[in-house]
């Protein structure tokens, strides 16, 4: 049986990807998948800090925020980085160079969210926007985690893809 990995990618420092990671990790813990699944998050920006308001919302939702960080996506193309099988962009377009660096076997999906965090300026508005995004992301993330957990552990390629 081979493990799988999913990387959620946001466009900047809003924390969309970190929120999706937290939701994915929580759903994975609650599911009884036979296939090990690793969940990561990254940003297209060179660097970013997670909004403290997002961390507060994650905590209030009962999600584990202890390991959440916004890593630049470029880190996942380096030798020794975790292998990525599935990449989900959140309101972002993955640059062609990054697609090439990650390899053609990566399943890339683009999700467009209705909730726009860029309009939320005050802490209260950002809090409400993050809660709306969490509500919007919860079901698609759960479906994705279930889908990936149900995939066969048998390699479809010429060689086994292990970490």
N, C-alpha and C. Protein backbone atom coordinates (compact mmCIF):
# COMPACT_ATOMS: atom_id res chain seq x y z
N UNK A 1 0.85 -1.17 0.00
CA UNK A 1 0.00 0.00 0.00
C UNK A 1 0.89 1.23 0.00
N UNK A 2 0.52 2.21 -0.80
CA UNK A 2 1.30 3.43 -0.92
C UNK A 2 0.53 4.59 -0.30
N UNK A 3 1.25 5.46 0.37
CA UNK A 3 0.59 6.63 0.94
C UNK A 3 0.33 7.65 -0.15
N UNK A 4 -0.53 8.58 0.14
CA UNK A 4 -0.87 9.65 -0.78
C UNK A 4 -0.66 10.98 -0.07
N UNK A 5 -0.54 12.04 -0.86
CA UNK A 5 -0.39 13.36 -0.27
C UNK A 5 -1.19 14.37 -1.06
N UNK A 6 -1.68 15.38 -0.34
CA UNK A 6 -2.40 16.47 -0.97
C UNK A 6 -1.81 17.77 -0.45
N UNK A 7 -1.64 18.72 -1.37
CA UNK A 7 -1.11 20.05 -1.05
C UNK A 7 -2.15 21.08 -1.43
N UNK A 8 -2.60 21.87 -0.45
CA UNK A 8 -3.50 22.98 -0.70
C UNK A 8 -2.65 24.22 -0.90
N UNK A 9 -2.94 25.00 -1.95
CA UNK A 9 -2.13 26.17 -2.29
C UNK A 9 -3.03 27.39 -2.41
N UNK A 10 -2.67 28.44 -1.67
CA UNK A 10 -3.36 29.73 -1.77
C UNK A 10 -2.46 30.74 -2.45
N UNK A 11 -3.05 31.86 -2.83
CA UNK A 11 -2.29 32.85 -3.62
C UNK A 11 -1.41 33.77 -2.78
N UNK A 12 -1.74 33.94 -1.53
CA UNK A 12 -0.95 34.89 -0.74
C UNK A 12 -1.02 34.58 0.73
N UNK A 13 -0.97 35.60 1.53
CA UNK A 13 -0.93 35.42 2.96
C UNK A 13 -2.27 35.35 3.65
N UNK A 14 -3.34 35.08 2.91
CA UNK A 14 -4.66 35.06 3.53
C UNK A 14 -4.86 33.85 4.43
N UNK A 15 -4.18 32.76 4.16
CA UNK A 15 -4.32 31.58 4.99
C UNK A 15 -5.34 30.58 4.50
N UNK A 16 -5.88 30.77 3.30
CA UNK A 16 -6.86 29.81 2.76
C UNK A 16 -6.31 28.40 2.77
N UNK A 17 -5.07 28.24 2.32
CA UNK A 17 -4.49 26.90 2.23
C UNK A 17 -4.30 26.30 3.62
N UNK A 18 -3.87 27.10 4.59
CA UNK A 18 -3.69 26.59 5.95
C UNK A 18 -5.03 26.17 6.55
N UNK A 19 -6.08 26.91 6.26
CA UNK A 19 -7.41 26.54 6.73
C UNK A 19 -7.85 25.23 6.10
N UNK A 20 -7.63 25.07 4.80
CA UNK A 20 -7.97 23.81 4.12
C UNK A 20 -7.15 22.66 4.70
N UNK A 21 -5.87 22.91 5.00
CA UNK A 21 -5.03 21.87 5.62
C UNK A 21 -5.61 21.45 6.97
N UNK A 22 -5.98 22.41 7.80
CA UNK A 22 -6.54 22.09 9.12
C UNK A 22 -7.83 21.29 8.98
N UNK A 23 -8.69 21.68 8.05
CA UNK A 23 -9.93 20.93 7.82
C UNK A 23 -9.63 19.52 7.30
N UNK A 24 -8.65 19.41 6.40
CA UNK A 24 -8.27 18.11 5.86
C UNK A 24 -7.69 17.19 6.91
N UNK A 25 -6.82 17.73 7.75
CA UNK A 25 -6.23 16.92 8.82
C UNK A 25 -7.30 16.43 9.80
N UNK A 26 -8.23 17.31 10.13
CA UNK A 26 -9.31 16.94 11.05
C UNK A 26 -10.17 15.83 10.44
N UNK A 27 -10.53 15.98 9.17
CA UNK A 27 -11.38 14.97 8.54
C UNK A 27 -10.62 13.64 8.40
N UNK A 28 -9.35 13.72 8.08
CA UNK A 28 -8.53 12.50 7.97
C UNK A 28 -8.48 11.78 9.31
N UNK A 29 -8.33 12.51 10.40
CA UNK A 29 -8.30 11.90 11.73
C UNK A 29 -9.61 11.20 12.05
N UNK A 30 -10.71 11.79 11.60
CA UNK A 30 -12.03 11.24 11.90
C UNK A 30 -12.42 10.08 10.98
N UNK A 31 -11.78 9.98 9.81
CA UNK A 31 -12.13 8.91 8.87
C UNK A 31 -11.31 7.66 9.18
N UNK A 32 -11.75 6.56 8.65
CA UNK A 32 -11.06 5.30 8.85
C UNK A 32 -10.46 4.80 7.55
N UNK A 33 -9.73 5.66 6.88
CA UNK A 33 -9.14 5.33 5.59
C UNK A 33 -8.05 4.30 5.75
N UNK A 34 -8.02 3.34 4.82
CA UNK A 34 -6.97 2.32 4.82
C UNK A 34 -5.69 2.85 4.19
N UNK A 35 -5.81 3.93 3.42
CA UNK A 35 -4.65 4.49 2.73
C UNK A 35 -4.12 5.68 3.52
N UNK A 36 -2.85 5.65 3.94
CA UNK A 36 -2.29 6.80 4.64
C UNK A 36 -2.33 8.05 3.75
N UNK A 37 -2.68 9.17 4.33
CA UNK A 37 -2.80 10.42 3.57
C UNK A 37 -2.10 11.53 4.34
N UNK A 38 -1.20 12.22 3.65
CA UNK A 38 -0.50 13.37 4.23
C UNK A 38 -1.13 14.63 3.65
N UNK A 39 -1.33 15.64 4.49
CA UNK A 39 -1.97 16.89 4.07
C UNK A 39 -1.03 18.04 4.37
N UNK A 40 -0.81 18.91 3.36
CA UNK A 40 0.10 20.05 3.50
C UNK A 40 -0.59 21.30 2.96
N UNK A 41 0.01 22.46 3.26
CA UNK A 41 -0.45 23.72 2.68
C UNK A 41 0.75 24.55 2.28
N UNK A 42 0.53 25.42 1.30
CA UNK A 42 1.60 26.30 0.82
C UNK A 42 0.97 27.56 0.24
N UNK A 43 1.84 28.52 -0.03
CA UNK A 43 1.41 29.78 -0.64
C UNK A 43 2.23 30.02 -1.89
N UNK A 44 1.66 30.72 -2.84
CA UNK A 44 2.40 31.10 -4.04
C UNK A 44 3.36 32.25 -3.76
N UNK A 45 3.14 32.95 -2.65
CA UNK A 45 4.04 34.05 -2.27
C UNK A 45 5.38 33.47 -1.80
N UNK A 46 6.41 34.30 -1.86
CA UNK A 46 7.73 33.85 -1.40
C UNK A 46 7.74 33.56 0.10
N UNK A 47 6.99 34.32 0.84
CA UNK A 47 6.85 34.07 2.27
C UNK A 47 5.60 34.79 2.76
N UNK A 48 5.05 34.29 3.84
CA UNK A 48 3.85 34.90 4.42
C UNK A 48 3.69 34.38 5.84
N UNK A 49 3.06 35.18 6.66
CA UNK A 49 2.71 34.78 8.02
C UNK A 49 1.22 34.50 8.06
N UNK A 50 0.84 33.53 8.85
CA UNK A 50 -0.59 33.23 9.00
C UNK A 50 -1.23 34.33 9.84
N UNK A 51 -2.37 34.80 9.38
CA UNK A 51 -3.13 35.82 10.08
C UNK A 51 -3.53 35.28 11.46
N UNK A 52 -3.20 35.99 12.54
CA UNK A 52 -3.57 35.53 13.89
C UNK A 52 -5.08 35.35 14.06
N UNK A 53 -5.85 36.11 13.31
CA UNK A 53 -7.30 35.96 13.38
C UNK A 53 -7.72 34.61 12.81
N UNK A 54 -7.03 34.18 11.75
CA UNK A 54 -7.31 32.85 11.20
C UNK A 54 -7.00 31.77 12.25
N UNK A 55 -5.87 31.91 12.92
CA UNK A 55 -5.51 30.92 13.95
C UNK A 55 -6.56 30.88 15.07
N UNK A 56 -7.09 32.05 15.43
CA UNK A 56 -8.14 32.10 16.44
C UNK A 56 -9.40 31.40 15.95
N UNK A 57 -9.77 31.62 14.69
CA UNK A 57 -10.95 30.96 14.12
C UNK A 57 -10.74 29.45 14.07
N UNK A 58 -9.56 29.02 13.64
CA UNK A 58 -9.25 27.59 13.59
C UNK A 58 -9.40 26.97 14.98
N UNK A 59 -8.88 27.66 15.98
CA UNK A 59 -8.99 27.18 17.35
C UNK A 59 -10.45 27.11 17.80
N UNK A 60 -11.22 28.13 17.50
CA UNK A 60 -12.64 28.16 17.89
C UNK A 60 -13.46 27.09 17.18
N UNK A 61 -12.99 26.68 16.00
CA UNK A 61 -13.68 25.61 15.27
C UNK A 61 -13.27 24.23 15.79
N UNK A 62 -12.35 24.21 16.75
CA UNK A 62 -11.92 22.95 17.32
C UNK A 62 -10.91 22.20 16.47
N UNK A 63 -10.25 22.92 15.56
CA UNK A 63 -9.25 22.31 14.68
C UNK A 63 -7.87 22.51 15.29
N UNK A 64 -6.95 21.62 14.95
CA UNK A 64 -5.58 21.71 15.46
C UNK A 64 -4.78 22.69 14.60
N UNK A 65 -4.29 23.75 15.22
CA UNK A 65 -3.51 24.76 14.50
C UNK A 65 -2.04 24.69 14.86
N UNK A 66 -1.63 23.70 15.65
CA UNK A 66 -0.28 23.67 16.19
C UNK A 66 0.80 23.53 15.12
N UNK A 67 0.50 22.86 14.01
CA UNK A 67 1.54 22.64 12.99
C UNK A 67 1.33 23.48 11.73
N UNK A 68 0.38 24.39 11.75
CA UNK A 68 0.08 25.16 10.55
C UNK A 68 1.13 26.22 10.29
N UNK A 69 1.66 26.23 9.09
CA UNK A 69 2.58 27.27 8.64
C UNK A 69 2.30 27.52 7.17
N UNK A 70 2.62 28.72 6.71
CA UNK A 70 2.51 29.01 5.28
C UNK A 70 3.90 28.90 4.67
N UNK A 71 4.10 27.82 3.95
CA UNK A 71 5.39 27.58 3.29
C UNK A 71 5.28 28.00 1.84
N UNK A 72 6.34 28.56 1.28
CA UNK A 72 6.31 28.85 -0.17
C UNK A 72 6.24 27.54 -0.94
N UNK A 73 5.44 27.52 -1.98
CA UNK A 73 5.26 26.30 -2.76
C UNK A 73 6.57 25.81 -3.37
N UNK A 74 7.50 26.72 -3.60
CA UNK A 74 8.78 26.32 -4.18
C UNK A 74 9.50 25.27 -3.34
N UNK A 75 9.26 25.26 -2.03
CA UNK A 75 9.90 24.27 -1.17
C UNK A 75 9.54 22.85 -1.55
N UNK A 76 8.36 22.66 -2.12
CA UNK A 76 7.91 21.32 -2.48
C UNK A 76 8.52 20.81 -3.79
N UNK A 77 9.28 21.65 -4.47
CA UNK A 77 9.95 21.21 -5.70
C UNK A 77 11.41 20.84 -5.45
N UNK A 78 11.91 21.04 -4.24
CA UNK A 78 13.30 20.74 -3.92
C UNK A 78 13.49 19.25 -3.68
N UNK A 79 14.71 18.78 -3.93
CA UNK A 79 15.05 17.40 -3.61
C UNK A 79 14.87 17.18 -2.11
N UNK A 80 14.30 16.06 -1.76
CA UNK A 80 14.08 15.74 -0.36
C UNK A 80 12.77 16.24 0.19
N UNK A 81 12.03 17.04 -0.59
CA UNK A 81 10.73 17.53 -0.14
C UNK A 81 9.71 16.39 -0.22
N UNK A 82 8.64 16.49 0.54
CA UNK A 82 7.60 15.46 0.44
C UNK A 82 7.07 15.37 -0.99
N UNK A 83 6.82 14.16 -1.42
CA UNK A 83 6.23 13.95 -2.74
C UNK A 83 4.77 14.41 -2.70
N UNK A 84 4.32 15.10 -3.72
CA UNK A 84 2.94 15.58 -3.80
C UNK A 84 2.22 14.82 -4.90
N UNK A 85 1.09 14.21 -4.55
CA UNK A 85 0.28 13.48 -5.52
C UNK A 85 -0.87 14.33 -6.05
N UNK A 86 -1.46 15.13 -5.18
CA UNK A 86 -2.64 15.92 -5.53
C UNK A 86 -2.41 17.34 -5.04
N UNK A 87 -2.68 18.31 -5.91
CA UNK A 87 -2.48 19.72 -5.58
C UNK A 87 -3.78 20.45 -5.84
N UNK A 88 -4.27 21.16 -4.84
CA UNK A 88 -5.52 21.91 -4.95
C UNK A 88 -5.20 23.39 -4.81
N UNK A 89 -5.47 24.17 -5.85
CA UNK A 89 -5.30 25.62 -5.73
C UNK A 89 -6.61 26.23 -5.25
N UNK A 90 -6.49 27.23 -4.39
CA UNK A 90 -7.65 27.92 -3.83
C UNK A 90 -7.60 29.37 -4.27
N UNK A 91 -8.48 29.72 -5.20
CA UNK A 91 -8.51 31.08 -5.76
C UNK A 91 -7.12 31.49 -6.25
N UNK A 92 -6.41 30.58 -6.87
CA UNK A 92 -5.05 30.85 -7.34
C UNK A 92 -4.79 30.09 -8.64
N UNK A 93 -3.84 30.59 -9.41
CA UNK A 93 -3.41 29.92 -10.62
C UNK A 93 -1.98 29.45 -10.41
N UNK A 94 -1.75 28.18 -10.59
CA UNK A 94 -0.41 27.62 -10.42
C UNK A 94 0.45 27.98 -11.63
N UNK A 95 1.60 28.62 -11.40
CA UNK A 95 2.47 28.97 -12.53
C UNK A 95 2.94 27.72 -13.27
N UNK A 96 3.08 27.84 -14.56
CA UNK A 96 3.50 26.72 -15.40
C UNK A 96 4.83 26.15 -14.94
N UNK A 97 5.76 27.01 -14.56
CA UNK A 97 7.07 26.54 -14.10
C UNK A 97 6.93 25.65 -12.87
N UNK A 98 5.98 25.97 -11.99
CA UNK A 98 5.79 25.15 -10.79
C UNK A 98 5.17 23.81 -11.16
N UNK A 99 4.24 23.81 -12.12
CA UNK A 99 3.68 22.54 -12.59
C UNK A 99 4.78 21.63 -13.12
N UNK A 100 5.68 22.21 -13.89
CA UNK A 100 6.79 21.43 -14.44
C UNK A 100 7.72 20.93 -13.33
N UNK A 101 7.98 21.78 -12.34
CA UNK A 101 8.88 21.39 -11.25
C UNK A 101 8.29 20.26 -10.41
N UNK A 102 6.98 20.27 -10.22
CA UNK A 102 6.34 19.24 -9.42
C UNK A 102 6.18 17.93 -10.19
N UNK A 103 6.15 18.01 -11.51
CA UNK A 103 6.04 16.80 -12.33
C UNK A 103 4.65 16.61 -12.89
N UNK A 104 4.60 15.88 -13.97
CA UNK A 104 3.34 15.69 -14.69
C UNK A 104 2.39 14.71 -14.00
N UNK A 105 2.89 13.94 -13.06
CA UNK A 105 2.02 12.96 -12.39
C UNK A 105 1.19 13.57 -11.27
N UNK A 106 1.41 14.84 -10.97
CA UNK A 106 0.64 15.50 -9.91
C UNK A 106 -0.74 15.86 -10.45
N UNK A 107 -1.76 15.44 -9.73
CA UNK A 107 -3.15 15.75 -10.06
C UNK A 107 -3.43 17.17 -9.57
N UNK A 108 -3.58 18.13 -10.50
CA UNK A 108 -3.82 19.53 -10.14
C UNK A 108 -5.29 19.86 -10.35
N UNK A 109 -5.90 20.41 -9.32
CA UNK A 109 -7.31 20.83 -9.39
C UNK A 109 -7.40 22.27 -8.91
N UNK A 110 -8.27 23.04 -9.53
CA UNK A 110 -8.46 24.45 -9.17
C UNK A 110 -9.83 24.63 -8.54
N UNK A 111 -9.84 25.11 -7.33
CA UNK A 111 -11.09 25.40 -6.64
C UNK A 111 -11.24 26.92 -6.55
N UNK A 112 -12.43 27.41 -6.92
CA UNK A 112 -12.74 28.82 -6.80
C UNK A 112 -13.77 28.98 -5.67
N UNK A 113 -13.42 29.79 -4.70
CA UNK A 113 -14.30 30.00 -3.56
C UNK A 113 -15.13 31.26 -3.76
N UNK A 114 -16.36 31.22 -3.26
CA UNK A 114 -17.24 32.38 -3.36
C UNK A 114 -16.81 33.49 -2.40
N UNK A 115 -16.37 33.09 -1.22
CA UNK A 115 -16.00 34.06 -0.19
C UNK A 115 -14.66 34.69 -0.54
N UNK A 116 -14.62 36.00 -0.55
CA UNK A 116 -13.39 36.74 -0.87
C UNK A 116 -12.84 37.38 0.39
N UNK A 117 -11.66 36.95 0.79
CA UNK A 117 -11.05 37.50 2.00
C UNK A 117 -10.48 38.88 1.77
N UNK A 118 -10.18 39.22 0.53
CA UNK A 118 -9.55 40.51 0.24
C UNK A 118 -10.45 41.69 0.59
N UNK A 119 -11.75 41.46 0.66
CA UNK A 119 -12.69 42.54 0.99
C UNK A 119 -12.78 42.79 2.50
N UNK A 120 -12.32 41.85 3.30
CA UNK A 120 -12.42 41.95 4.75
C UNK A 120 -11.21 42.69 5.31
N UNK A 121 -11.43 43.86 5.87
CA UNK A 121 -10.33 44.68 6.37
C UNK A 121 -10.20 44.70 7.88
N UNK A 122 -11.32 44.88 8.58
CA UNK A 122 -11.26 44.96 10.03
C UNK A 122 -11.13 43.55 10.61
N UNK A 123 -10.64 43.43 11.84
CA UNK A 123 -10.55 42.10 12.46
C UNK A 123 -11.89 41.36 12.50
N UNK A 124 -12.96 42.08 12.79
CA UNK A 124 -14.28 41.45 12.82
C UNK A 124 -14.71 40.94 11.45
N UNK A 125 -14.43 41.75 10.41
CA UNK A 125 -14.76 41.32 9.05
C UNK A 125 -13.93 40.10 8.64
N UNK A 126 -12.64 40.09 9.03
CA UNK A 126 -11.78 38.96 8.70
C UNK A 126 -12.24 37.70 9.44
N UNK A 127 -12.63 37.86 10.70
CA UNK A 127 -13.15 36.73 11.47
C UNK A 127 -14.36 36.13 10.77
N UNK A 128 -15.31 36.97 10.39
CA UNK A 128 -16.52 36.50 9.71
C UNK A 128 -16.17 35.86 8.36
N UNK A 129 -15.23 36.45 7.63
CA UNK A 129 -14.84 35.91 6.32
C UNK A 129 -14.19 34.54 6.49
N UNK A 130 -13.31 34.38 7.47
CA UNK A 130 -12.67 33.07 7.70
C UNK A 130 -13.70 32.01 8.08
N UNK A 131 -14.67 32.40 8.90
CA UNK A 131 -15.73 31.43 9.26
C UNK A 131 -16.54 31.04 8.03
N UNK A 132 -16.82 32.01 7.15
CA UNK A 132 -17.54 31.70 5.91
C UNK A 132 -16.73 30.78 5.02
N UNK A 133 -15.43 31.05 4.90
CA UNK A 133 -14.56 30.20 4.09
C UNK A 133 -14.51 28.79 4.68
N UNK A 134 -14.42 28.68 6.00
CA UNK A 134 -14.39 27.36 6.63
C UNK A 134 -15.67 26.60 6.32
N UNK A 135 -16.81 27.29 6.39
CA UNK A 135 -18.09 26.64 6.05
C UNK A 135 -18.10 26.21 4.58
N UNK A 136 -17.56 27.06 3.72
CA UNK A 136 -17.54 26.76 2.28
C UNK A 136 -16.57 25.62 1.95
N UNK A 137 -15.46 25.54 2.66
CA UNK A 137 -14.44 24.53 2.38
C UNK A 137 -14.71 23.17 3.03
N UNK A 138 -15.43 23.15 4.11
CA UNK A 138 -15.58 21.92 4.89
C UNK A 138 -16.05 20.73 4.04
N UNK A 139 -17.11 20.89 3.29
CA UNK A 139 -17.64 19.76 2.51
C UNK A 139 -16.72 19.34 1.37
N UNK A 140 -16.22 20.27 0.53
CA UNK A 140 -15.33 19.82 -0.56
C UNK A 140 -14.04 19.19 -0.04
N UNK A 141 -13.49 19.70 1.07
CA UNK A 141 -12.28 19.11 1.63
C UNK A 141 -12.59 17.70 2.13
N UNK A 142 -13.71 17.52 2.81
CA UNK A 142 -14.09 16.20 3.31
C UNK A 142 -14.27 15.22 2.16
N UNK A 143 -14.93 15.66 1.09
CA UNK A 143 -15.13 14.79 -0.07
C UNK A 143 -13.79 14.41 -0.70
N UNK A 144 -12.88 15.37 -0.80
CA UNK A 144 -11.56 15.10 -1.36
C UNK A 144 -10.81 14.09 -0.50
N UNK A 145 -10.79 14.29 0.80
CA UNK A 145 -10.09 13.37 1.71
C UNK A 145 -10.69 11.97 1.61
N UNK A 146 -12.02 11.87 1.53
CA UNK A 146 -12.67 10.57 1.37
C UNK A 146 -12.30 9.94 0.03
N UNK A 147 -12.30 10.75 -1.02
CA UNK A 147 -11.94 10.25 -2.36
C UNK A 147 -10.51 9.71 -2.37
N UNK A 148 -9.58 10.48 -1.83
CA UNK A 148 -8.18 10.06 -1.84
C UNK A 148 -7.96 8.87 -0.92
N UNK A 149 -8.69 8.80 0.17
CA UNK A 149 -8.57 7.66 1.08
C UNK A 149 -9.12 6.38 0.49
N UNK A 150 -10.02 6.51 -0.48
CA UNK A 150 -10.63 5.33 -1.10
C UNK A 150 -9.84 4.82 -2.30
N UNK A 151 -8.86 5.59 -2.74
CA UNK A 151 -8.07 5.16 -3.90
C UNK A 151 -7.32 3.88 -3.58
N UNK A 152 -7.16 3.08 -4.58
CA UNK A 152 -6.44 1.82 -4.42
C UNK A 152 -4.99 2.09 -4.05
N UNK A 153 -4.44 1.24 -3.22
CA UNK A 153 -3.03 1.35 -2.85
C UNK A 153 -2.12 0.71 -3.88
N UNK A 154 -2.67 0.22 -4.98
CA UNK A 154 -1.86 -0.43 -6.01
C UNK A 154 -1.34 0.63 -6.96
N UNK A 155 -0.05 0.60 -7.22
CA UNK A 155 0.56 1.58 -8.11
C UNK A 155 0.06 1.37 -9.54
N UNK A 156 -0.26 2.47 -10.21
CA UNK A 156 -0.70 2.42 -11.59
C UNK A 156 0.44 2.71 -12.55
N UNK A 157 1.56 3.16 -12.04
CA UNK A 157 2.67 3.55 -12.90
C UNK A 157 3.70 2.44 -13.05
N UNK A 158 4.81 2.77 -13.67
CA UNK A 158 5.87 1.81 -13.91
C UNK A 158 6.61 1.44 -12.63
N UNK A 159 6.58 2.31 -11.67
CA UNK A 159 7.33 2.07 -10.44
C UNK A 159 6.53 2.56 -9.24
N UNK A 160 6.85 2.05 -8.10
CA UNK A 160 6.15 2.45 -6.88
C UNK A 160 6.58 3.86 -6.51
N UNK A 161 5.62 4.70 -6.15
CA UNK A 161 5.90 6.08 -5.76
C UNK A 161 5.81 6.17 -4.25
N UNK A 162 6.90 6.05 -3.58
CA UNK A 162 6.91 6.12 -2.12
C UNK A 162 7.62 7.39 -1.68
N UNK A 163 7.40 7.72 -0.43
CA UNK A 163 8.00 8.95 0.11
C UNK A 163 9.48 8.83 0.25
